[in-house]
Amino acid sequence: MPWPIQYPCLDERDENLKAGTKSWKTAIERAIQQAFCVVLLMSPSAKTSEWVERELDYAYSLQRPIYPVLIEGSQRDAVPFEVINMQYIDARQDFEQGVRHLTAILGAYATTPASGCFRRLSC
């Protein structure tokens, strides 16, 4: 399913970005700086990822709204401490419905084509 939001997003599956390299770190930093929000796809591997934690910390330091989406696991094993008290979209049973719900929420905030949205694709 193609991503329904037509704003620039960092796709960490981009084969030109090699994890841990300076260009990768710079791309993540730039994407969060340019984003109007951060969409956190929560899973057990995301919860234990050092990079997800860094990205969340950086997003918070820039006061970017965080939109958590639970895609795998349970609240106990997939939801990071930093967002435990936030409402989140549960997309475990129907990912496409979860994306539609998220798109509707973000649509209210995405008012200009210059806005961006950083999305976490995998850990």
N, C-alpha and C. Protein backbone atom coordinates (compact mmCIF):
# COMPACT_ATOMS: atom_id res chain seq x y z
N MET A 1 0.84 -1.18 0.00
CA MET A 1 0.00 0.00 0.00
C MET A 1 0.89 1.24 0.00
N PRO A 2 0.72 2.14 -0.96
CA PRO A 2 1.54 3.36 -0.98
C PRO A 2 1.18 4.28 0.18
N TRP A 3 2.17 5.03 0.64
CA TRP A 3 1.95 5.98 1.73
C TRP A 3 1.01 7.06 1.22
N PRO A 4 -0.12 7.32 1.91
CA PRO A 4 -1.14 8.23 1.38
C PRO A 4 -0.86 9.71 1.55
N ILE A 5 0.15 10.08 2.31
CA ILE A 5 0.43 11.50 2.54
C ILE A 5 1.46 11.95 1.52
N GLN A 6 1.16 12.98 0.78
CA GLN A 6 2.02 13.41 -0.32
C GLN A 6 3.00 14.49 0.12
N TYR A 7 3.67 14.28 1.23
CA TYR A 7 4.68 15.21 1.72
C TYR A 7 5.99 14.46 1.80
N PRO A 8 7.11 15.20 1.75
CA PRO A 8 8.41 14.52 1.80
C PRO A 8 8.55 13.72 3.09
N CYS A 9 8.95 12.48 2.97
CA CYS A 9 9.19 11.62 4.12
C CYS A 9 10.54 10.94 3.95
N LEU A 10 11.19 10.66 5.05
CA LEU A 10 12.43 9.91 5.02
C LEU A 10 12.06 8.44 5.01
N ASP A 11 12.45 7.75 3.98
CA ASP A 11 12.21 6.31 3.88
C ASP A 11 13.51 5.62 4.24
N GLU A 12 13.58 5.04 5.43
CA GLU A 12 14.82 4.44 5.89
C GLU A 12 15.15 3.15 5.15
N ARG A 13 14.28 2.71 4.25
CA ARG A 13 14.60 1.56 3.41
C ARG A 13 15.39 2.00 2.18
N ASP A 14 15.59 3.30 2.01
CA ASP A 14 16.35 3.84 0.87
C ASP A 14 17.72 3.17 0.84
N GLU A 15 18.03 2.50 -0.25
CA GLU A 15 19.29 1.76 -0.34
C GLU A 15 20.51 2.68 -0.37
N ASN A 16 20.33 3.97 -0.63
CA ASN A 16 21.45 4.91 -0.62
C ASN A 16 21.82 5.33 0.80
N LEU A 17 20.96 5.04 1.77
CA LEU A 17 21.24 5.38 3.16
C LEU A 17 21.74 4.13 3.87
N LYS A 18 22.96 4.17 4.34
CA LYS A 18 23.55 3.04 5.06
C LYS A 18 23.51 3.34 6.56
N ALA A 19 22.88 2.45 7.32
CA ALA A 19 22.73 2.64 8.76
C ALA A 19 24.06 2.93 9.43
N GLY A 20 24.05 3.95 10.28
CA GLY A 20 25.22 4.30 11.06
C GLY A 20 26.19 5.24 10.39
N THR A 21 26.03 5.50 9.09
CA THR A 21 26.95 6.39 8.40
C THR A 21 26.58 7.85 8.68
N LYS A 22 27.52 8.73 8.41
CA LYS A 22 27.28 10.16 8.62
C LYS A 22 26.11 10.64 7.77
N SER A 23 26.01 10.20 6.51
CA SER A 23 24.92 10.64 5.65
C SER A 23 23.57 10.15 6.17
N TRP A 24 23.54 8.98 6.75
CA TRP A 24 22.32 8.42 7.33
C TRP A 24 21.87 9.25 8.53
N LYS A 25 22.82 9.54 9.41
CA LYS A 25 22.51 10.35 10.58
C LYS A 25 22.06 11.75 10.17
N THR A 26 22.74 12.33 9.18
CA THR A 26 22.37 13.66 8.70
C THR A 26 20.98 13.64 8.09
N ALA A 27 20.66 12.60 7.34
CA ALA A 27 19.33 12.50 6.72
C ALA A 27 18.24 12.40 7.77
N ILE A 28 18.47 11.64 8.82
CA ILE A 28 17.48 11.52 9.90
C ILE A 28 17.31 12.87 10.59
N GLU A 29 18.41 13.50 10.93
CA GLU A 29 18.37 14.80 11.60
C GLU A 29 17.62 15.82 10.75
N ARG A 30 17.95 15.90 9.48
CA ARG A 30 17.30 16.85 8.57
C ARG A 30 15.80 16.55 8.44
N ALA A 31 15.46 15.28 8.33
CA ALA A 31 14.04 14.91 8.19
C ALA A 31 13.24 15.33 9.41
N ILE A 32 13.78 15.12 10.59
CA ILE A 32 13.06 15.52 11.81
C ILE A 32 12.98 17.04 11.90
N GLN A 33 14.05 17.73 11.54
CA GLN A 33 14.03 19.20 11.56
C GLN A 33 12.97 19.75 10.63
N GLN A 34 12.79 19.15 9.47
CA GLN A 34 11.86 19.65 8.47
C GLN A 34 10.44 19.15 8.67
N ALA A 35 10.25 18.20 9.55
CA ALA A 35 8.94 17.58 9.74
C ALA A 35 8.01 18.45 10.57
N PHE A 36 6.73 18.36 10.29
CA PHE A 36 5.76 19.02 11.17
C PHE A 36 5.32 18.06 12.27
N CYS A 37 5.67 16.77 12.15
CA CYS A 37 5.34 15.78 13.16
C CYS A 37 6.26 14.57 12.99
N VAL A 38 6.18 13.66 13.95
CA VAL A 38 6.87 12.39 13.86
C VAL A 38 5.83 11.29 14.04
N VAL A 39 5.78 10.36 13.09
CA VAL A 39 4.92 9.19 13.21
C VAL A 39 5.79 8.05 13.72
N LEU A 40 5.46 7.55 14.89
CA LEU A 40 6.22 6.47 15.52
C LEU A 40 5.47 5.17 15.30
N LEU A 41 6.06 4.26 14.50
CA LEU A 41 5.48 2.94 14.31
C LEU A 41 6.05 2.04 15.40
N MET A 42 5.20 1.65 16.34
CA MET A 42 5.66 0.93 17.52
C MET A 42 5.58 -0.58 17.33
N SER A 43 6.68 -1.24 17.72
CA SER A 43 6.80 -2.69 17.69
C SER A 43 7.81 -3.06 18.77
N PRO A 44 7.92 -4.34 19.10
CA PRO A 44 8.93 -4.72 20.09
C PRO A 44 10.35 -4.31 19.67
N SER A 45 10.68 -4.45 18.38
CA SER A 45 12.04 -4.06 17.96
C SER A 45 12.22 -2.55 18.01
N ALA A 46 11.17 -1.79 17.71
CA ALA A 46 11.27 -0.33 17.80
C ALA A 46 11.48 0.10 19.25
N LYS A 47 10.79 -0.57 20.18
CA LYS A 47 10.91 -0.21 21.59
C LYS A 47 12.34 -0.38 22.10
N THR A 48 13.04 -1.37 21.59
CA THR A 48 14.40 -1.63 22.08
C THR A 48 15.47 -0.98 21.21
N SER A 49 15.06 -0.25 20.19
CA SER A 49 16.02 0.37 19.28
C SER A 49 16.62 1.64 19.89
N GLU A 50 17.93 1.68 19.94
CA GLU A 50 18.64 2.88 20.40
C GLU A 50 18.32 4.06 19.49
N TRP A 51 18.18 3.80 18.18
CA TRP A 51 17.93 4.88 17.23
C TRP A 51 16.53 5.43 17.34
N VAL A 52 15.55 4.60 17.60
CA VAL A 52 14.19 5.11 17.81
C VAL A 52 14.20 6.03 19.03
N GLU A 53 14.88 5.63 20.08
CA GLU A 53 14.97 6.47 21.28
C GLU A 53 15.64 7.81 20.95
N ARG A 54 16.72 7.79 20.20
CA ARG A 54 17.40 9.03 19.81
C ARG A 54 16.49 9.93 18.97
N GLU A 55 15.79 9.30 18.02
CA GLU A 55 14.91 10.07 17.15
C GLU A 55 13.77 10.71 17.95
N LEU A 56 13.20 9.96 18.89
CA LEU A 56 12.16 10.53 19.74
C LEU A 56 12.70 11.68 20.58
N ASP A 57 13.87 11.49 21.18
CA ASP A 57 14.48 12.55 21.99
C ASP A 57 14.70 13.80 21.14
N TYR A 58 15.19 13.62 19.93
CA TYR A 58 15.45 14.77 19.07
C TYR A 58 14.14 15.45 18.66
N ALA A 59 13.14 14.65 18.34
CA ALA A 59 11.84 15.21 17.98
C ALA A 59 11.26 16.01 19.14
N TYR A 60 11.36 15.47 20.35
CA TYR A 60 10.88 16.21 21.52
C TYR A 60 11.66 17.50 21.71
N SER A 61 12.98 17.46 21.49
CA SER A 61 13.78 18.67 21.67
C SER A 61 13.38 19.76 20.68
N LEU A 62 12.86 19.35 19.52
CA LEU A 62 12.39 20.31 18.52
C LEU A 62 10.89 20.59 18.65
N GLN A 63 10.29 20.02 19.67
CA GLN A 63 8.86 20.20 19.96
C GLN A 63 7.97 19.74 18.80
N ARG A 64 8.34 18.62 18.20
CA ARG A 64 7.53 18.05 17.13
C ARG A 64 6.46 17.16 17.76
N PRO A 65 5.22 17.28 17.31
CA PRO A 65 4.19 16.36 17.81
C PRO A 65 4.53 14.92 17.42
N ILE A 66 4.26 13.99 18.33
CA ILE A 66 4.50 12.57 18.09
C ILE A 66 3.15 11.89 17.90
N TYR A 67 3.01 11.11 16.84
CA TYR A 67 1.79 10.35 16.56
C TYR A 67 2.14 8.86 16.57
N PRO A 68 1.91 8.19 17.71
CA PRO A 68 2.27 6.78 17.81
C PRO A 68 1.22 5.86 17.17
N VAL A 69 1.73 4.83 16.50
CA VAL A 69 0.89 3.82 15.86
C VAL A 69 1.44 2.46 16.26
N LEU A 70 0.63 1.66 16.93
CA LEU A 70 1.04 0.32 17.34
C LEU A 70 0.82 -0.63 16.17
N ILE A 71 1.92 -1.20 15.66
CA ILE A 71 1.80 -2.08 14.48
C ILE A 71 2.10 -3.54 14.80
N GLU A 72 2.72 -3.79 15.94
CA GLU A 72 3.10 -5.16 16.29
C GLU A 72 3.35 -5.24 17.78
N GLY A 73 3.04 -6.37 18.39
CA GLY A 73 3.29 -6.58 19.80
C GLY A 73 2.16 -6.05 20.66
N SER A 74 2.47 -5.88 21.94
CA SER A 74 1.48 -5.42 22.91
C SER A 74 1.94 -4.10 23.52
N GLN A 75 1.07 -3.49 24.30
CA GLN A 75 1.46 -2.24 24.96
C GLN A 75 2.69 -2.48 25.81
N ARG A 76 2.74 -3.59 26.49
CA ARG A 76 3.87 -3.88 27.38
C ARG A 76 5.19 -4.02 26.63
N ASP A 77 5.18 -4.74 25.50
CA ASP A 77 6.46 -5.00 24.84
C ASP A 77 6.77 -4.11 23.64
N ALA A 78 5.85 -3.19 23.28
CA ALA A 78 6.08 -2.39 22.07
C ALA A 78 6.00 -0.88 22.28
N VAL A 79 5.39 -0.44 23.37
CA VAL A 79 5.20 1.00 23.55
C VAL A 79 6.33 1.57 24.41
N PRO A 80 7.14 2.48 23.85
CA PRO A 80 8.24 3.07 24.61
C PRO A 80 7.74 3.90 25.79
N PHE A 81 8.55 3.94 26.83
CA PHE A 81 8.23 4.69 28.04
C PHE A 81 7.85 6.14 27.73
N GLU A 82 8.55 6.74 26.77
CA GLU A 82 8.32 8.15 26.45
C GLU A 82 6.91 8.46 25.98
N VAL A 83 6.20 7.47 25.45
CA VAL A 83 4.86 7.71 24.92
C VAL A 83 3.79 6.88 25.62
N ILE A 84 4.12 6.27 26.74
CA ILE A 84 3.22 5.34 27.41
C ILE A 84 1.87 5.97 27.78
N ASN A 85 1.85 7.26 28.07
CA ASN A 85 0.61 7.92 28.45
C ASN A 85 -0.11 8.61 27.30
N MET A 86 0.39 8.43 26.09
CA MET A 86 -0.23 9.05 24.92
C MET A 86 -1.26 8.11 24.31
N GLN A 87 -2.29 8.70 23.72
CA GLN A 87 -3.20 7.89 22.92
C GLN A 87 -2.47 7.47 21.66
N TYR A 88 -2.79 6.29 21.17
CA TYR A 88 -2.15 5.82 19.95
C TYR A 88 -3.16 5.08 19.08
N ILE A 89 -2.82 4.98 17.82
CA ILE A 89 -3.63 4.21 16.88
C ILE A 89 -3.18 2.76 16.95
N ASP A 90 -4.14 1.86 17.11
CA ASP A 90 -3.84 0.44 17.12
C ASP A 90 -4.08 -0.11 15.71
N ALA A 91 -3.00 -0.37 14.99
CA ALA A 91 -3.10 -0.84 13.61
C ALA A 91 -2.69 -2.31 13.49
N ARG A 92 -2.69 -3.03 14.59
CA ARG A 92 -2.23 -4.43 14.54
C ARG A 92 -3.15 -5.33 13.74
N GLN A 93 -4.43 -5.13 13.84
CA GLN A 93 -5.37 -6.01 13.13
C GLN A 93 -5.63 -5.56 11.70
N ASP A 94 -5.61 -4.25 11.47
CA ASP A 94 -5.94 -3.71 10.14
C ASP A 94 -5.05 -2.50 9.87
N PHE A 95 -3.87 -2.76 9.30
CA PHE A 95 -2.90 -1.70 9.08
C PHE A 95 -3.46 -0.62 8.16
N GLU A 96 -4.14 -1.01 7.10
CA GLU A 96 -4.69 -0.02 6.17
C GLU A 96 -5.69 0.90 6.85
N GLN A 97 -6.53 0.36 7.71
CA GLN A 97 -7.47 1.19 8.46
C GLN A 97 -6.70 2.13 9.40
N GLY A 98 -5.65 1.62 10.01
CA GLY A 98 -4.82 2.46 10.87
C GLY A 98 -4.21 3.62 10.11
N VAL A 99 -3.74 3.35 8.89
CA VAL A 99 -3.15 4.40 8.06
C VAL A 99 -4.22 5.42 7.67
N ARG A 100 -5.42 4.94 7.35
CA ARG A 100 -6.50 5.88 7.02
C ARG A 100 -6.83 6.77 8.22
N HIS A 101 -6.87 6.18 9.40
CA HIS A 101 -7.12 6.95 10.62
C HIS A 101 -6.02 7.99 10.84
N LEU A 102 -4.78 7.56 10.71
CA LEU A 102 -3.64 8.47 10.86
C LEU A 102 -3.69 9.58 9.82
N THR A 103 -4.00 9.24 8.59
CA THR A 103 -4.08 10.23 7.51
C THR A 103 -5.14 11.28 7.82
N ALA A 104 -6.26 10.84 8.35
CA ALA A 104 -7.32 11.79 8.71
C ALA A 104 -6.85 12.73 9.81
N ILE A 105 -6.15 12.19 10.79
CA ILE A 105 -5.64 13.02 11.89
C ILE A 105 -4.60 14.01 11.36
N LEU A 106 -3.65 13.51 10.59
CA LEU A 106 -2.59 14.37 10.08
C LEU A 106 -3.10 15.38 9.06
N GLY A 107 -4.13 15.02 8.34
CA GLY A 107 -4.69 15.93 7.34
C GLY A 107 -5.12 17.24 7.94
N ALA A 108 -5.55 17.21 9.19
CA ALA A 108 -5.96 18.44 9.87
C ALA A 108 -4.76 19.35 10.13
N TYR A 109 -3.56 18.77 10.20
CA TYR A 109 -2.37 19.56 10.53
C TYR A 109 -1.49 19.84 9.33
N ALA A 110 -1.60 19.03 8.30
CA ALA A 110 -0.74 19.19 7.13
C ALA A 110 -1.38 20.18 6.17
N THR A 111 -1.02 21.44 6.30
CA THR A 111 -1.71 22.47 5.53
C THR A 111 -0.91 23.00 4.35
N THR A 112 0.38 22.72 4.30
CA THR A 112 1.18 23.24 3.19
C THR A 112 2.05 22.13 2.61
N PRO A 113 2.31 22.18 1.32
CA PRO A 113 3.18 21.17 0.71
C PRO A 113 4.60 21.20 1.27
N ALA A 114 5.00 22.30 1.88
CA ALA A 114 6.35 22.39 2.44
C ALA A 114 6.48 21.62 3.74
N SER A 115 5.35 21.23 4.34
CA SER A 115 5.40 20.45 5.57
C SER A 115 5.97 19.08 5.27
N GLY A 116 6.60 18.48 6.26
CA GLY A 116 7.12 17.14 6.08
C GLY A 116 6.60 16.21 7.15
N CYS A 117 6.85 14.95 6.97
CA CYS A 117 6.42 13.97 7.97
C CYS A 117 7.47 12.88 8.03
N PHE A 118 8.14 12.75 9.15
CA PHE A 118 9.14 11.72 9.32
C PHE A 118 8.43 10.44 9.74
N ARG A 119 8.68 9.35 9.06
CA ARG A 119 8.04 8.10 9.43
C ARG A 119 9.10 7.04 9.70
N ARG A 120 8.91 6.34 10.74
CA ARG A 120 9.82 5.25 11.11
C ARG A 120 9.33 4.00 10.42
N LEU A 121 10.13 3.41 9.57
CA LEU A 121 9.69 2.26 8.80
C LEU A 121 10.12 0.95 9.41
N SER A 122 11.30 0.88 9.94
CA SER A 122 11.76 -0.38 10.51
C SER A 122 12.95 -0.11 11.43
N CYS A 123 13.28 -1.11 12.20
CA CYS A 123 14.42 -0.99 13.11
C CYS A 123 15.41 -2.08 12.80
